[in-house]
Amino acid sequence: MDIALTTTIVGWLASICMVLGYLPQAWHTIRTRNTDGIAMPTFLLLGAGSVFFVIQGLLLGNWPLVVTNSITTVSSAIVFAIKVHNDHRKKS
């Protein structure tokens, strides 16, 4: 098998695993609005990492990297907004 094809297949498999691993937690948080267990600094660093991986994927033309990290970036942004809202509401 060609190395480029193998690399693409491995990239898409990694993408599927990452999205399937991340989305259930994001979906649970979106559905329940419970953000008590989310550490904001860690979550912000993971979100920033996803943004940088999108940029890297675009620069390299690596679509599995772009797709995966676009999904996790959007999910992170939604969960971040819920977390900020919840934290603000607790202080009020």
Protein backbone atom coordinates (compact mmCIF):
# COMPACT_ATOMS: atom_id res chain seq x y z
CA MET A 1 0.00 0.00 0.00
CA ASP A 2 1.19 3.51 -0.86
CA ILE A 3 2.55 5.50 2.10
CA ALA A 4 0.40 8.54 1.23
CA LEU A 5 -2.75 6.40 1.23
CA THR A 6 -1.73 4.75 4.51
CA THR A 7 -1.09 8.16 6.05
CA THR A 8 -4.49 9.42 4.91
CA ILE A 9 -6.28 6.34 6.26
CA VAL A 10 -4.49 6.62 9.61
CA GLY A 11 -5.33 10.35 9.73
CA TRP A 12 -9.03 9.74 9.12
CA LEU A 13 -9.10 6.91 11.69
CA ALA A 14 -7.49 9.23 14.24
CA SER A 15 -10.05 11.92 13.35
CA ILE A 16 -12.95 9.56 13.89
CA CYS A 17 -11.56 8.43 17.25
CA MET A 18 -10.96 12.00 18.42
CA VAL A 19 -14.42 13.23 17.43
CA LEU A 20 -16.16 10.18 18.89
CA GLY A 21 -14.14 10.60 22.07
CA TYR A 22 -14.82 14.32 22.45
CA LEU A 23 -18.40 14.78 21.26
CA PRO A 24 -20.17 12.71 23.94
CA GLN A 25 -18.74 14.93 26.71
CA ALA A 26 -19.53 18.09 24.76
CA TRP A 27 -23.05 16.83 24.02
CA HIS A 28 -23.58 15.94 27.70
CA THR A 29 -22.47 19.41 28.77
CA ILE A 30 -24.66 21.10 26.15
CA ARG A 31 -27.67 18.97 27.13
CA THR A 32 -27.32 19.19 30.93
CA ARG A 33 -25.63 22.62 31.17
CA ASN A 34 -23.55 21.13 34.00
CA THR A 35 -20.04 22.58 33.88
CA ASP A 36 -18.99 22.06 37.50
CA GLY A 37 -16.30 19.52 36.59
CA ILE A 38 -14.72 21.62 33.85
CA ALA A 39 -11.39 23.30 34.67
CA MET A 40 -11.33 26.50 32.64
CA PRO A 41 -7.53 26.77 32.12
CA THR A 42 -7.27 23.19 30.88
CA PHE A 43 -10.30 23.60 28.66
CA LEU A 44 -8.97 26.85 27.17
CA LEU A 45 -5.62 25.23 26.37
CA LEU A 46 -7.34 22.28 24.69
CA GLY A 47 -9.50 24.68 22.66
CA ALA A 48 -6.46 26.74 21.65
CA GLY A 49 -4.66 23.54 20.65
CA SER A 50 -7.58 22.63 18.39
CA VAL A 51 -7.42 26.05 16.72
CA PHE A 52 -3.68 25.67 16.09
CA PHE A 53 -4.23 22.18 14.66
CA VAL A 54 -6.83 23.60 12.26
CA ILE A 55 -4.28 26.16 11.10
CA GLN A 56 -1.58 23.49 10.77
CA GLY A 57 -3.95 21.24 8.85
CA LEU A 58 -4.79 24.07 6.45
CA LEU A 59 -1.12 24.88 5.92
CA LEU A 60 -0.30 21.23 5.25
CA GLY A 61 -3.46 20.45 3.29
CA ASN A 62 -4.22 17.73 5.87
CA TRP A 63 -8.01 17.47 5.78
CA PRO A 64 -8.43 14.92 8.59
CA LEU A 65 -6.62 17.36 10.89
CA VAL A 66 -8.76 20.28 9.70
CA VAL A 67 -12.08 18.43 9.99
CA THR A 68 -11.40 16.89 13.39
CA ASN A 69 -10.14 20.04 15.00
CA SER A 70 -12.82 22.24 13.44
CA ILE A 71 -15.43 20.04 15.12
CA THR A 72 -13.61 20.09 18.46
CA THR A 73 -13.05 23.87 18.21
CA VAL A 74 -16.76 24.54 17.67
CA SER A 75 -17.69 22.13 20.46
CA SER A 76 -15.14 23.77 22.75
CA ALA A 77 -16.53 27.22 21.98
CA ILE A 78 -20.07 26.11 22.84
CA VAL A 79 -19.00 24.44 26.09
CA PHE A 80 -16.85 27.49 26.95
CA ALA A 81 -19.86 29.79 26.49
CA ILE A 82 -21.98 27.57 28.74
CA LYS A 83 -19.20 27.48 31.36
CA VAL A 84 -18.80 31.28 31.35
CA HIS A 85 -22.58 31.72 31.60
CA ASN A 86 -22.83 29.26 34.50
CA ASP A 87 -19.88 30.78 36.37
CA HIS A 88 -21.30 34.29 35.90
CA ARG A 89 -24.73 33.16 37.13
CA LYS A 90 -23.18 31.57 40.26
CA LYS A 91 -21.47 34.85 41.15
CA SER A 92 -24.70 36.84 40.82
